[in-house]
Amino acid sequence: MNRRIIPLICSLCFLTHCSSTTSESSLEASTIPVLSSPARANTWGIPEKTQMKDGYQLLYTNPSNSKEKLIITGSNKLMFFLLYPPHIRGTRIINGRAIEVDEAQLWKKALVADQTVKWYHAHLPSAHYGSIFRTLGTELKDGSGKIGQYRIEVEGTKNQMRNWLSELSFPQ
């Protein structure tokens, strides 16, 4: 029973926080700051930008390896988040044998624009795509104090996720 009550209490605290947030943190009336990766743009070229009604998405793709991607989604709406990282499920090839896995994982943390974000391993690699790593929907502030909600997804390796997160920045 306690396992059910703790997430419920956390959810209620979060909802109370959201309902009592001041208008300064409201993004409805303003545009969100654009989080981007100048390093990926220099290496791979200009990202593909998609404008959405509540934000944007930037897609950086390695032109020489389509299984290396960085996707930044920015929004003025609260994004989906998790209390605990999901289990990593799928098939791994170990010593030439396909093994089904269902493993618990811990949050990993990284700095994005000098702010801590949590991330996790979302999908194991397959023939069609590489490993996928994803941050939680996270609130970040630019240097002027403007706020946005962001989610970053990387198709690549764990080290690439760490490195590419550290390269993200807001324009000066």
N, C-alpha and C. Protein backbone atom coordinates (compact mmCIF):
# COMPACT_ATOMS: atom_id res chain seq x y z
N MET A 1 0.81 -1.19 0.00
CA MET A 1 0.00 0.00 0.00
C MET A 1 0.86 1.26 0.00
N ASN A 2 1.98 1.26 0.77
CA ASN A 2 2.86 2.42 0.81
C ASN A 2 3.46 2.72 -0.56
N ARG A 3 3.65 1.68 -1.38
CA ARG A 3 4.21 1.89 -2.72
C ARG A 3 3.27 2.70 -3.59
N ARG A 4 1.98 2.64 -3.31
CA ARG A 4 0.99 3.40 -4.08
C ARG A 4 0.83 4.81 -3.54
N ILE A 5 0.97 4.96 -2.24
CA ILE A 5 0.74 6.25 -1.61
C ILE A 5 1.87 7.24 -1.93
N ILE A 6 3.11 6.78 -1.93
CA ILE A 6 4.23 7.69 -2.16
C ILE A 6 4.14 8.36 -3.53
N PRO A 7 3.93 7.61 -4.65
CA PRO A 7 3.78 8.30 -5.94
C PRO A 7 2.58 9.24 -5.96
N LEU A 8 1.49 8.85 -5.27
CA LEU A 8 0.31 9.70 -5.23
C LEU A 8 0.63 11.01 -4.52
N ILE A 9 1.33 10.94 -3.41
CA ILE A 9 1.70 12.15 -2.67
C ILE A 9 2.62 13.02 -3.51
N CYS A 10 3.58 12.41 -4.20
CA CYS A 10 4.48 13.18 -5.08
C CYS A 10 3.69 13.88 -6.17
N SER A 11 2.73 13.17 -6.75
CA SER A 11 1.91 13.76 -7.81
C SER A 11 1.09 14.92 -7.28
N LEU A 12 0.51 14.77 -6.11
CA LEU A 12 -0.29 15.85 -5.52
C LEU A 12 0.57 17.06 -5.21
N CYS A 13 1.78 16.84 -4.70
CA CYS A 13 2.70 17.95 -4.44
C CYS A 13 3.04 18.68 -5.73
N PHE A 14 3.29 17.92 -6.78
CA PHE A 14 3.62 18.53 -8.07
C PHE A 14 2.45 19.35 -8.60
N LEU A 15 1.23 18.80 -8.53
CA LEU A 15 0.06 19.52 -9.00
C LEU A 15 -0.16 20.80 -8.19
N THR A 16 0.07 20.74 -6.89
CA THR A 16 -0.05 21.93 -6.04
C THR A 16 0.98 22.97 -6.48
N HIS A 17 2.20 22.53 -6.75
CA HIS A 17 3.25 23.44 -7.23
C HIS A 17 2.83 24.10 -8.53
N CYS A 18 2.30 23.32 -9.47
CA CYS A 18 1.90 23.85 -10.77
C CYS A 18 0.78 24.87 -10.63
N SER A 19 -0.19 24.59 -9.76
CA SER A 19 -1.33 25.49 -9.63
C SER A 19 -0.96 26.77 -8.90
N SER A 20 0.15 26.77 -8.15
CA SER A 20 0.54 27.95 -7.40
C SER A 20 1.72 28.68 -8.02
N THR A 21 2.13 28.26 -9.21
CA THR A 21 3.27 28.89 -9.87
C THR A 21 2.89 30.30 -10.31
N THR A 22 3.81 31.25 -10.14
CA THR A 22 3.52 32.63 -10.49
C THR A 22 3.50 32.82 -12.00
N SER A 23 2.98 33.97 -12.42
CA SER A 23 2.87 34.24 -13.85
C SER A 23 4.23 34.41 -14.51
N GLU A 24 5.28 34.67 -13.73
CA GLU A 24 6.62 34.80 -14.31
C GLU A 24 7.06 33.53 -15.01
N SER A 25 6.65 32.37 -14.49
CA SER A 25 7.09 31.12 -15.10
C SER A 25 6.12 30.63 -16.16
N SER A 26 5.05 31.36 -16.39
CA SER A 26 4.10 30.96 -17.43
C SER A 26 4.70 31.23 -18.79
N LEU A 27 4.58 30.26 -19.67
CA LEU A 27 5.16 30.40 -21.00
C LEU A 27 4.11 30.71 -22.05
N GLU A 28 2.85 30.79 -21.65
CA GLU A 28 1.77 30.97 -22.61
C GLU A 28 1.93 32.25 -23.42
N ALA A 29 2.32 33.33 -22.77
CA ALA A 29 2.34 34.62 -23.44
C ALA A 29 3.68 34.92 -24.11
N SER A 30 4.68 34.10 -23.90
CA SER A 30 5.99 34.42 -24.45
C SER A 30 6.53 33.26 -25.27
N THR A 31 7.52 33.57 -26.07
CA THR A 31 8.18 32.50 -26.82
C THR A 31 9.25 31.89 -25.94
N ILE A 32 9.52 30.63 -26.17
CA ILE A 32 10.51 29.95 -25.35
C ILE A 32 11.91 30.15 -25.94
N PRO A 33 12.93 30.15 -25.09
CA PRO A 33 14.29 30.24 -25.61
C PRO A 33 14.65 28.98 -26.39
N VAL A 34 15.43 29.14 -27.43
CA VAL A 34 15.79 28.00 -28.28
C VAL A 34 17.07 27.36 -27.77
N LEU A 35 16.94 26.13 -27.29
CA LEU A 35 18.08 25.32 -26.89
C LEU A 35 18.61 24.64 -28.14
N SER A 36 19.90 24.72 -28.38
CA SER A 36 20.45 24.14 -29.61
C SER A 36 21.85 23.58 -29.35
N SER A 37 22.40 22.95 -30.38
CA SER A 37 23.74 22.38 -30.29
C SER A 37 24.63 22.97 -31.39
N PRO A 38 25.32 24.07 -31.10
CA PRO A 38 26.23 24.64 -32.09
C PRO A 38 27.31 23.64 -32.53
N ALA A 39 27.76 22.78 -31.61
CA ALA A 39 28.80 21.80 -31.95
C ALA A 39 28.29 20.79 -32.98
N ARG A 40 27.06 20.29 -32.81
CA ARG A 40 26.50 19.35 -33.80
C ARG A 40 26.25 20.07 -35.12
N ALA A 41 25.81 21.33 -35.08
CA ALA A 41 25.59 22.09 -36.31
C ALA A 41 26.91 22.28 -37.06
N ASN A 42 28.00 22.57 -36.33
CA ASN A 42 29.31 22.73 -36.97
C ASN A 42 29.80 21.43 -37.58
N THR A 43 29.53 20.31 -36.91
CA THR A 43 30.02 19.02 -37.37
C THR A 43 29.13 18.41 -38.45
N TRP A 44 27.82 18.48 -38.26
CA TRP A 44 26.87 17.78 -39.14
C TRP A 44 26.08 18.70 -40.07
N GLY A 45 26.10 19.99 -39.81
CA GLY A 45 25.32 20.91 -40.63
C GLY A 45 24.08 21.40 -39.90
N ILE A 46 23.38 22.29 -40.56
CA ILE A 46 22.18 22.92 -39.99
C ILE A 46 21.13 21.85 -39.65
N PRO A 47 20.50 21.95 -38.48
CA PRO A 47 19.48 20.95 -38.13
C PRO A 47 18.18 21.17 -38.90
N GLU A 48 17.40 20.12 -38.99
CA GLU A 48 16.06 20.23 -39.56
C GLU A 48 15.16 20.78 -38.46
N LYS A 49 14.49 21.91 -38.73
CA LYS A 49 13.66 22.55 -37.71
C LYS A 49 12.19 22.36 -38.05
N THR A 50 11.42 21.93 -37.04
CA THR A 50 9.98 21.78 -37.19
C THR A 50 9.32 22.70 -36.18
N GLN A 51 8.48 23.61 -36.67
CA GLN A 51 7.74 24.50 -35.79
C GLN A 51 6.45 23.80 -35.37
N MET A 52 6.17 23.81 -34.08
CA MET A 52 4.93 23.21 -33.57
C MET A 52 4.13 24.32 -32.90
N LYS A 53 2.85 24.07 -32.67
CA LYS A 53 2.02 25.16 -32.13
C LYS A 53 2.46 25.61 -30.74
N ASP A 54 3.08 24.71 -29.98
CA ASP A 54 3.51 25.09 -28.64
C ASP A 54 5.03 25.08 -28.49
N GLY A 55 5.78 25.06 -29.60
CA GLY A 55 7.24 25.05 -29.50
C GLY A 55 7.93 24.70 -30.80
N TYR A 56 8.97 23.91 -30.68
CA TYR A 56 9.78 23.56 -31.85
C TYR A 56 10.47 22.22 -31.64
N GLN A 57 11.03 21.69 -32.73
CA GLN A 57 11.88 20.51 -32.64
C GLN A 57 13.06 20.71 -33.59
N LEU A 58 14.26 20.43 -33.09
CA LEU A 58 15.47 20.46 -33.92
C LEU A 58 15.99 19.04 -34.05
N LEU A 59 16.27 18.63 -35.28
CA LEU A 59 16.79 17.29 -35.55
C LEU A 59 18.15 17.42 -36.22
N TYR A 60 19.19 16.99 -35.51
CA TYR A 60 20.55 16.95 -36.04
C TYR A 60 20.82 15.49 -36.42
N THR A 61 21.29 15.25 -37.64
CA THR A 61 21.60 13.89 -38.09
C THR A 61 23.01 13.86 -38.67
N ASN A 62 23.78 12.86 -38.26
CA ASN A 62 25.12 12.68 -38.80
C ASN A 62 24.96 12.24 -40.26
N PRO A 63 25.47 13.02 -41.23
CA PRO A 63 25.29 12.66 -42.63
C PRO A 63 25.99 11.37 -43.03
N SER A 64 27.00 10.94 -42.26
CA SER A 64 27.71 9.71 -42.61
C SER A 64 27.25 8.50 -41.80
N ASN A 65 26.33 8.70 -40.84
CA ASN A 65 25.82 7.59 -40.04
C ASN A 65 24.41 7.95 -39.56
N SER A 66 23.40 7.43 -40.22
CA SER A 66 22.02 7.78 -39.89
C SER A 66 21.57 7.27 -38.53
N LYS A 67 22.40 6.45 -37.86
CA LYS A 67 22.07 5.96 -36.52
C LYS A 67 22.67 6.85 -35.43
N GLU A 68 23.09 8.06 -35.81
CA GLU A 68 23.56 9.06 -34.85
C GLU A 68 22.72 10.31 -35.04
N LYS A 69 21.83 10.55 -34.07
CA LYS A 69 20.92 11.69 -34.15
C LYS A 69 20.80 12.36 -32.80
N LEU A 70 20.48 13.64 -32.85
CA LEU A 70 20.17 14.42 -31.66
C LEU A 70 18.88 15.16 -31.95
N ILE A 71 17.89 14.98 -31.09
CA ILE A 71 16.60 15.65 -31.25
C ILE A 71 16.35 16.49 -30.00
N ILE A 72 16.10 17.78 -30.21
CA ILE A 72 15.77 18.69 -29.11
C ILE A 72 14.34 19.16 -29.34
N THR A 73 13.49 18.92 -28.36
CA THR A 73 12.11 19.40 -28.43
C THR A 73 11.93 20.45 -27.34
N GLY A 74 11.49 21.64 -27.74
CA GLY A 74 11.22 22.72 -26.80
C GLY A 74 9.75 23.06 -26.85
N SER A 75 9.16 23.35 -25.70
CA SER A 75 7.73 23.60 -25.63
C SER A 75 7.41 24.58 -24.52
N ASN A 76 6.26 25.24 -24.65
CA ASN A 76 5.79 26.07 -23.55
C ASN A 76 4.77 25.31 -22.70
N LYS A 77 4.55 24.05 -22.98
CA LYS A 77 3.65 23.19 -22.22
C LYS A 77 4.47 22.22 -21.37
N LEU A 78 3.93 21.88 -20.21
CA LEU A 78 4.56 20.91 -19.33
C LEU A 78 4.70 19.58 -20.07
N MET A 79 5.87 18.97 -20.01
CA MET A 79 6.11 17.71 -20.71
C MET A 79 5.99 16.52 -19.77
N PHE A 80 5.70 15.38 -20.37
CA PHE A 80 5.59 14.11 -19.66
C PHE A 80 6.87 13.85 -18.86
N PHE A 81 6.71 13.36 -17.65
CA PHE A 81 7.87 12.99 -16.85
C PHE A 81 7.56 11.72 -16.08
N LEU A 82 8.58 11.09 -15.56
CA LEU A 82 8.46 9.83 -14.82
C LEU A 82 9.03 10.00 -13.42
N LEU A 83 8.45 9.29 -12.45
CA LEU A 83 9.03 9.29 -11.11
C LEU A 83 10.24 8.38 -11.04
N TYR A 84 10.19 7.28 -11.78
CA TYR A 84 11.27 6.29 -11.80
C TYR A 84 11.62 5.99 -13.25
N PRO A 85 12.88 5.70 -13.54
CA PRO A 85 13.23 5.34 -14.92
C PRO A 85 12.58 4.01 -15.29
N PRO A 86 12.12 3.89 -16.53
CA PRO A 86 11.51 2.62 -16.95
C PRO A 86 12.56 1.52 -17.08
N HIS A 87 12.11 0.29 -16.99
CA HIS A 87 13.02 -0.84 -17.24
C HIS A 87 13.44 -0.79 -18.70
N ILE A 88 14.66 -1.20 -18.97
CA ILE A 88 15.11 -1.33 -20.36
C ILE A 88 14.74 -2.74 -20.79
N ARG A 89 13.96 -2.81 -21.87
CA ARG A 89 13.47 -4.10 -22.35
C ARG A 89 13.86 -4.27 -23.81
N GLY A 90 14.09 -5.50 -24.19
CA GLY A 90 14.41 -5.78 -25.58
C GLY A 90 15.29 -7.00 -25.70
N THR A 91 15.96 -7.07 -26.83
CA THR A 91 16.82 -8.22 -27.12
C THR A 91 18.25 -7.74 -27.27
N ARG A 92 19.15 -8.40 -26.57
CA ARG A 92 20.59 -8.13 -26.71
C ARG A 92 21.24 -9.37 -27.30
N ILE A 93 22.24 -9.14 -28.12
CA ILE A 93 23.03 -10.25 -28.66
C ILE A 93 24.24 -10.42 -27.76
N ILE A 94 24.32 -11.56 -27.07
CA ILE A 94 25.43 -11.85 -26.16
C ILE A 94 26.04 -13.18 -26.60
N ASN A 95 27.33 -13.13 -26.97
CA ASN A 95 28.05 -14.32 -27.46
C ASN A 95 27.30 -14.99 -28.61
N GLY A 96 26.75 -14.17 -29.50
CA GLY A 96 26.07 -14.71 -30.68
C GLY A 96 24.65 -15.21 -30.43
N ARG A 97 24.17 -15.08 -29.21
CA ARG A 97 22.81 -15.54 -28.89
C ARG A 97 21.92 -14.35 -28.55
N ALA A 98 20.68 -14.40 -29.02
CA ALA A 98 19.71 -13.36 -28.70
C ALA A 98 19.14 -13.64 -27.31
N ILE A 99 19.29 -12.68 -26.42
CA ILE A 99 18.83 -12.81 -25.04
C ILE A 99 17.80 -11.70 -24.77
N GLU A 100 16.62 -12.09 -24.30
CA GLU A 100 15.61 -11.11 -23.91
C GLU A 100 16.02 -10.49 -22.57
N VAL A 101 15.96 -9.17 -22.48
CA VAL A 101 16.32 -8.49 -21.24
C VAL A 101 15.15 -7.65 -20.73
N ASP A 102 15.08 -7.52 -19.44
CA ASP A 102 14.13 -6.66 -18.74
C ASP A 102 14.85 -6.21 -17.48
N GLU A 103 15.59 -5.10 -17.61
CA GLU A 103 16.49 -4.67 -16.54
C GLU A 103 16.05 -3.34 -15.95
N ALA A 104 16.08 -3.27 -14.62
CA ALA A 104 15.85 -2.00 -13.94
C ALA A 104 17.05 -1.09 -14.23
N GLN A 105 16.81 0.20 -14.19
CA GLN A 105 17.92 1.13 -14.38
C GLN A 105 17.77 2.31 -13.45
N LEU A 106 18.86 3.00 -13.21
CA LEU A 106 18.86 4.19 -12.37
C LEU A 106 18.91 5.41 -13.26
N TRP A 107 18.43 6.54 -12.73
CA TRP A 107 18.56 7.79 -13.47
C TRP A 107 20.03 8.11 -13.67
N LYS A 108 20.34 8.65 -14.81
CA LYS A 108 21.65 9.23 -15.05
C LYS A 108 21.43 10.74 -15.04
N LYS A 109 22.45 11.49 -14.67
CA LYS A 109 22.30 12.95 -14.61
C LYS A 109 23.39 13.60 -15.44
N ALA A 110 23.05 14.75 -16.01
CA ALA A 110 24.01 15.52 -16.81
C ALA A 110 23.65 16.99 -16.71
N LEU A 111 24.61 17.83 -17.08
CA LEU A 111 24.36 19.27 -17.12
C LEU A 111 24.00 19.68 -18.53
N VAL A 112 22.91 20.41 -18.64
CA VAL A 112 22.49 21.02 -19.90
C VAL A 112 22.36 22.51 -19.63
N ALA A 113 23.14 23.31 -20.32
CA ALA A 113 23.15 24.76 -20.10
C ALA A 113 23.30 25.07 -18.61
N ASP A 114 24.23 24.38 -17.96
CA ASP A 114 24.56 24.55 -16.53
C ASP A 114 23.41 24.20 -15.58
N GLN A 115 22.48 23.38 -16.04
CA GLN A 115 21.36 22.94 -15.20
C GLN A 115 21.28 21.41 -15.27
N THR A 116 20.99 20.77 -14.15
CA THR A 116 20.98 19.31 -14.08
C THR A 116 19.70 18.75 -14.67
N VAL A 117 19.86 17.75 -15.54
CA VAL A 117 18.72 17.02 -16.10
C VAL A 117 18.92 15.52 -15.86
N LYS A 118 17.81 14.80 -15.78
CA LYS A 118 17.86 13.34 -15.65
C LYS A 118 17.61 12.72 -17.01
N TRP A 119 18.30 11.59 -17.25
CA TRP A 119 18.09 10.89 -18.51
C TRP A 119 18.17 9.39 -18.27
N TYR A 120 17.73 8.64 -19.28
CA TYR A 120 17.67 7.18 -19.16
C TYR A 120 17.83 6.54 -20.53
N HIS A 121 18.09 5.25 -20.53
CA HIS A 121 18.22 4.46 -21.75
C HIS A 121 16.79 4.06 -22.15
N ALA A 122 16.29 4.58 -23.26
CA ALA A 122 14.90 4.36 -23.65
C ALA A 122 14.70 3.09 -24.48
N HIS A 123 15.63 2.81 -25.42
CA HIS A 123 15.48 1.65 -26.31
C HIS A 123 16.84 1.04 -26.62
N LEU A 124 16.86 -0.28 -26.66
CA LEU A 124 18.06 -0.99 -27.11
C LEU A 124 18.19 -0.85 -28.62
N PRO A 125 19.38 -1.02 -29.18
CA PRO A 125 19.55 -0.90 -30.63
C PRO A 125 18.87 -2.05 -31.37
N SER A 126 18.57 -1.79 -32.63
CA SER A 126 18.01 -2.82 -33.50
C SER A 126 18.70 -2.70 -34.86
N ALA A 127 18.21 -3.45 -35.82
CA ALA A 127 18.77 -3.37 -37.17
C ALA A 127 18.45 -2.02 -37.81
N HIS A 128 17.38 -1.36 -37.34
CA HIS A 128 16.91 -0.13 -37.98
C HIS A 128 17.35 1.15 -37.28
N TYR A 129 17.71 1.05 -36.00
CA TYR A 129 18.13 2.25 -35.28
C TYR A 129 19.12 1.86 -34.19
N GLY A 130 19.86 2.87 -33.71
CA GLY A 130 20.82 2.64 -32.63
C GLY A 130 20.15 2.72 -31.27
N SER A 131 20.93 2.62 -30.21
CA SER A 131 20.40 2.81 -28.86
C SER A 131 19.80 4.20 -28.76
N ILE A 132 18.70 4.32 -28.04
CA ILE A 132 18.05 5.61 -27.87
C ILE A 132 18.05 5.97 -26.39
N PHE A 133 18.52 7.18 -26.11
CA PHE A 133 18.58 7.72 -24.75
C PHE A 133 17.71 8.98 -24.73
N ARG A 134 17.05 9.23 -23.60
CA ARG A 134 16.10 10.33 -23.55
C ARG A 134 16.15 11.01 -22.18
N THR A 135 16.01 12.33 -22.18
CA THR A 135 15.87 13.05 -20.92
C THR A 135 14.40 13.07 -20.54
N LEU A 136 14.15 13.38 -19.29
CA LEU A 136 12.79 13.67 -18.87
C LEU A 136 12.40 15.01 -19.47
N GLY A 137 11.11 15.29 -19.54
CA GLY A 137 10.69 16.65 -19.85
C GLY A 137 11.18 17.52 -18.70
N THR A 138 11.93 18.55 -19.02
CA THR A 138 12.63 19.32 -17.99
C THR A 138 12.47 20.81 -18.23
N GLU A 139 12.32 21.57 -17.16
CA GLU A 139 12.25 23.02 -17.27
C GLU A 139 13.67 23.58 -17.21
N LEU A 140 14.02 24.39 -18.20
CA LEU A 140 15.34 25.03 -18.24
C LEU A 140 15.17 26.53 -18.43
N LYS A 141 16.12 27.30 -17.89
CA LYS A 141 16.11 28.76 -18.03
C LYS A 141 17.30 29.19 -18.85
N ASP A 142 17.09 30.20 -19.70
CA ASP A 142 18.23 30.77 -20.40
C ASP A 142 18.86 31.85 -19.52
N GLY A 143 19.87 32.53 -20.02
CA GLY A 143 20.60 33.53 -19.23
C GLY A 143 19.75 34.71 -18.79
N SER A 144 18.67 35.01 -19.53
CA SER A 144 17.81 36.14 -19.17
C SER A 144 16.68 35.73 -18.23
N GLY A 145 16.61 34.44 -17.91
CA GLY A 145 15.56 33.96 -17.00
C GLY A 145 14.32 33.43 -17.68
N LYS A 146 14.28 33.48 -19.02
CA LYS A 146 13.14 32.91 -19.74
C LYS A 146 13.14 31.40 -19.57
N ILE A 147 11.95 30.83 -19.44
CA ILE A 147 11.80 29.41 -19.15
C ILE A 147 11.16 28.68 -20.32
N GLY A 148 11.59 27.44 -20.52
CA GLY A 148 10.97 26.54 -21.49
C GLY A 148 10.99 25.13 -20.95
N GLN A 149 10.19 24.28 -21.55
CA GLN A 149 10.18 22.85 -21.23
C GLN A 149 10.91 22.14 -22.37
N TYR A 150 11.80 21.21 -22.04
CA TYR A 150 12.64 20.59 -23.06
C TYR A 150 12.74 19.08 -22.85
N ARG A 151 12.86 18.37 -23.96
CA ARG A 151 13.19 16.95 -23.93
C ARG A 151 14.27 16.75 -24.99
N ILE A 152 15.31 16.01 -24.63
CA ILE A 152 16.40 15.72 -25.56
C ILE A 152 16.47 14.22 -25.75
N GLU A 153 16.61 13.83 -27.01
CA GLU A 153 16.73 12.40 -27.34
C GLU A 153 17.96 12.21 -28.21
N VAL A 154 18.72 11.18 -27.90
CA VAL A 154 19.92 10.86 -28.67
C VAL A 154 19.83 9.43 -29.16
N GLU A 155 20.09 9.25 -30.44
CA GLU A 155 20.29 7.91 -30.99
C GLU A 155 21.79 7.78 -31.18
N GLY A 156 22.39 6.86 -30.44
CA GLY A 156 23.83 6.68 -30.47
C GLY A 156 24.28 5.88 -29.27
N THR A 157 25.39 6.29 -28.67
CA THR A 157 25.93 5.57 -27.51
C THR A 157 25.71 6.39 -26.23
N LYS A 158 25.93 5.73 -25.10
CA LYS A 158 25.80 6.41 -23.80
C LYS A 158 26.80 7.57 -23.71
N ASN A 159 28.03 7.36 -24.19
CA ASN A 159 29.02 8.44 -24.16
C ASN A 159 28.62 9.60 -25.06
N GLN A 160 28.03 9.30 -26.22
CA GLN A 160 27.55 10.37 -27.08
C GLN A 160 26.46 11.17 -26.38
N MET A 161 25.55 10.48 -25.69
CA MET A 161 24.50 11.18 -24.95
C MET A 161 25.11 12.15 -23.96
N ARG A 162 26.06 11.68 -23.16
CA ARG A 162 26.71 12.55 -22.17
C ARG A 162 27.39 13.75 -22.85
N ASN A 163 28.15 13.47 -23.90
CA ASN A 163 28.89 14.55 -24.58
C ASN A 163 27.96 15.54 -25.25
N TRP A 164 26.96 15.04 -25.96
CA TRP A 164 26.08 15.94 -26.71
C TRP A 164 25.20 16.76 -25.78
N LEU A 165 24.81 16.20 -24.62
CA LEU A 165 24.06 17.01 -23.65
C LEU A 165 24.91 18.17 -23.16
N SER A 166 26.20 17.91 -22.93
CA SER A 166 27.08 18.97 -22.41
C SER A 166 27.32 20.07 -23.44
N GLU A 167 27.08 19.80 -24.71
CA GLU A 167 27.28 20.79 -25.78
C GLU A 167 26.09 21.72 -25.97
N LEU A 168 24.95 21.40 -25.38
CA LEU A 168 23.74 22.19 -25.61
C LEU A 168 23.83 23.54 -24.92
N SER A 169 23.27 24.55 -25.58
CA SER A 169 23.31 25.89 -24.99
C SER A 169 22.18 26.75 -25.55
N PHE A 170 21.94 27.86 -24.86
CA PHE A 170 21.01 28.88 -25.33
C PHE A 170 21.84 29.97 -25.99
N PRO A 171 21.27 30.68 -26.97
CA PRO A 171 22.02 31.78 -27.59
C PRO A 171 22.34 32.86 -26.55
N GLN A 172 23.46 33.51 -26.73
CA GLN A 172 23.87 34.57 -25.78
C GLN A 172 23.17 35.87 -26.07
